[in-house]
Protein backbone atom coordinates (compact mmCIF):
# COMPACT_ATOMS: atom_id res chain seq x y z
CA UNK A 1 61.32 102.54 96.78
CA UNK A 2 64.28 102.55 99.31
CA UNK A 3 65.95 99.68 97.46
CA UNK A 4 65.73 101.56 94.14
CA UNK A 5 67.38 104.76 95.62
CA UNK A 6 70.10 102.54 97.31
CA UNK A 7 70.60 100.87 94.26
CA UNK A 8 71.23 104.17 92.22
CA UNK A 9 73.32 105.69 95.12
CA UNK A 10 75.95 102.92 95.89
CA UNK A 11 77.57 103.32 92.55
CA UNK A 12 77.76 106.96 92.79
CA UNK A 13 79.27 106.75 96.33
CA UNK A 14 82.03 104.22 95.19
CA UNK A 15 82.88 106.20 92.16
CA UNK A 16 83.12 109.31 93.90
CA UNK A 17 85.62 107.94 96.55
CA UNK A 18 88.31 107.21 93.94
CA UNK A 19 90.85 104.30 94.20
CA UNK A 20 93.82 104.07 96.58
CA UNK A 21 96.30 102.83 93.68
CA UNK A 22 98.93 105.10 92.66
CA UNK A 23 98.88 106.42 89.22
CA UNK A 24 101.68 107.58 87.01
CA UNK A 25 101.28 111.11 86.07
CA UNK A 26 101.06 112.08 82.19
CA UNK A 27 103.52 114.74 82.87
CA UNK A 28 106.48 112.16 83.54
CA UNK A 29 109.29 112.53 81.15
CA UNK A 30 110.37 109.52 78.84
CA UNK A 31 113.68 109.57 80.52
CA UNK A 32 112.15 109.07 84.02
CA UNK A 33 109.95 106.13 82.56
CA UNK A 34 112.86 104.60 80.99
CA UNK A 35 114.88 104.93 84.30
CA UNK A 36 112.07 103.27 86.32
CA UNK A 37 111.89 100.57 83.71
CA UNK A 38 115.45 99.59 84.38
CA UNK A 39 114.86 98.94 88.20
CA UNK A 40 114.21 95.18 88.09
CA UNK A 41 114.78 93.97 91.56
CA UNK A 42 118.56 93.79 91.60
CA UNK A 43 121.06 96.47 93.03
CA UNK A 44 123.35 96.12 90.12
CA UNK A 45 120.49 97.23 87.87
CA UNK A 46 120.00 100.23 89.94
CA UNK A 47 123.80 100.97 89.81
CA UNK A 48 123.52 100.63 86.01
CA UNK A 49 120.53 102.84 85.62
CA UNK A 50 121.88 105.60 87.97
CA UNK A 51 125.28 105.41 85.94
CA UNK A 52 123.28 105.64 82.52
CA UNK A 53 120.64 108.34 83.59
CA UNK A 54 122.69 110.29 86.47
CA UNK A 55 124.75 113.33 85.80
CA UNK A 56 128.53 112.84 86.43
CA UNK A 57 129.36 113.10 90.11
CA UNK A 58 125.77 112.41 91.18
CA UNK A 59 125.25 111.66 94.97
CA UNK A 60 123.03 108.75 94.74
CA UNK A 61 122.65 108.68 98.55
CA UNK A 62 123.28 104.92 98.28
CA UNK A 63 120.21 104.17 96.29
CA UNK A 64 122.07 101.27 94.58
CA UNK A 65 122.15 99.41 97.89
CA UNK A 66 118.65 98.46 97.50
CA UNK A 67 117.11 95.96 95.14
CA UNK A 68 114.42 98.29 93.74
CA UNK A 69 111.54 97.04 91.44
CA UNK A 70 108.10 98.01 90.37
CA UNK A 71 108.74 101.78 90.61
CA UNK A 72 106.05 104.47 90.21
CA UNK A 73 105.79 108.04 90.22
CA UNK A 74 103.82 109.41 93.22
CA UNK A 75 104.03 113.08 92.50
CA UNK A 76 105.27 115.11 89.70
CA UNK A 77 106.28 118.72 89.92
CA UNK A 78 108.14 120.48 87.08
CA UNK A 79 111.13 118.19 86.43
CA UNK A 80 111.16 116.34 89.92
CA UNK A 81 109.43 113.32 90.67
CA UNK A 82 108.68 111.26 94.02
CA UNK A 83 109.25 107.91 93.07
CA UNK A 84 107.99 104.81 95.04
CA UNK A 85 109.65 101.46 94.54
CA UNK A 86 109.34 98.09 96.28
CA UNK A 87 112.67 96.71 98.01
CA UNK A 88 112.15 93.36 99.48
CA UNK A 89 109.21 93.68 102.05
CA UNK A 90 109.55 97.48 102.17
CA UNK A 91 108.54 100.24 99.88
CA UNK A 92 111.35 103.01 99.48
CA UNK A 93 110.74 106.57 98.21
CA UNK A 94 113.13 108.89 96.50
CA UNK A 95 112.78 112.58 95.12
CA UNK A 96 114.58 112.75 91.77
CA UNK A 97 115.14 115.72 89.99
CA UNK A 98 116.28 116.07 86.23
CA UNK A 99 118.29 118.55 84.09
CA UNK A 100 119.00 118.05 80.56
CA UNK A 101 117.93 114.41 80.36
CA UNK A 102 119.95 113.44 83.51
CA UNK A 103 119.22 113.09 87.19
CA UNK A 104 120.75 115.89 88.84
CA UNK A 105 119.79 115.16 92.37
CA UNK A 106 118.48 112.46 94.62
CA UNK A 107 116.86 112.43 97.96
CA UNK A 108 116.18 109.66 99.99
CA UNK A 109 112.71 110.08 101.43
CA UNK A 110 112.71 106.70 103.47
CA UNK A 111 110.31 103.97 103.73
CA UNK A 112 106.45 103.73 103.55
């Protein structure tokens, strides 16, 4: 009888724990998704993406010094996103806010 109970409880326990993988929110704008797709692991690509999607005079907090790739949105709130991206052996985080389809501000949130 104990085996039957354990057999039924174990899947329920694992399903209730959830997963540790980061999921992109459904509320992520098309512009943010397109920006993240441009980040292919080369600093030149980061520079080009910031130029294409950033407003004029954007302070990019030297984001383009890093070879960012595999970007994901960790949190989304209104038109701002906490983005996580691989850079070599590190993972860097940036808080990006958007206005009228352009990045209006970038905040470096450091490494994980």
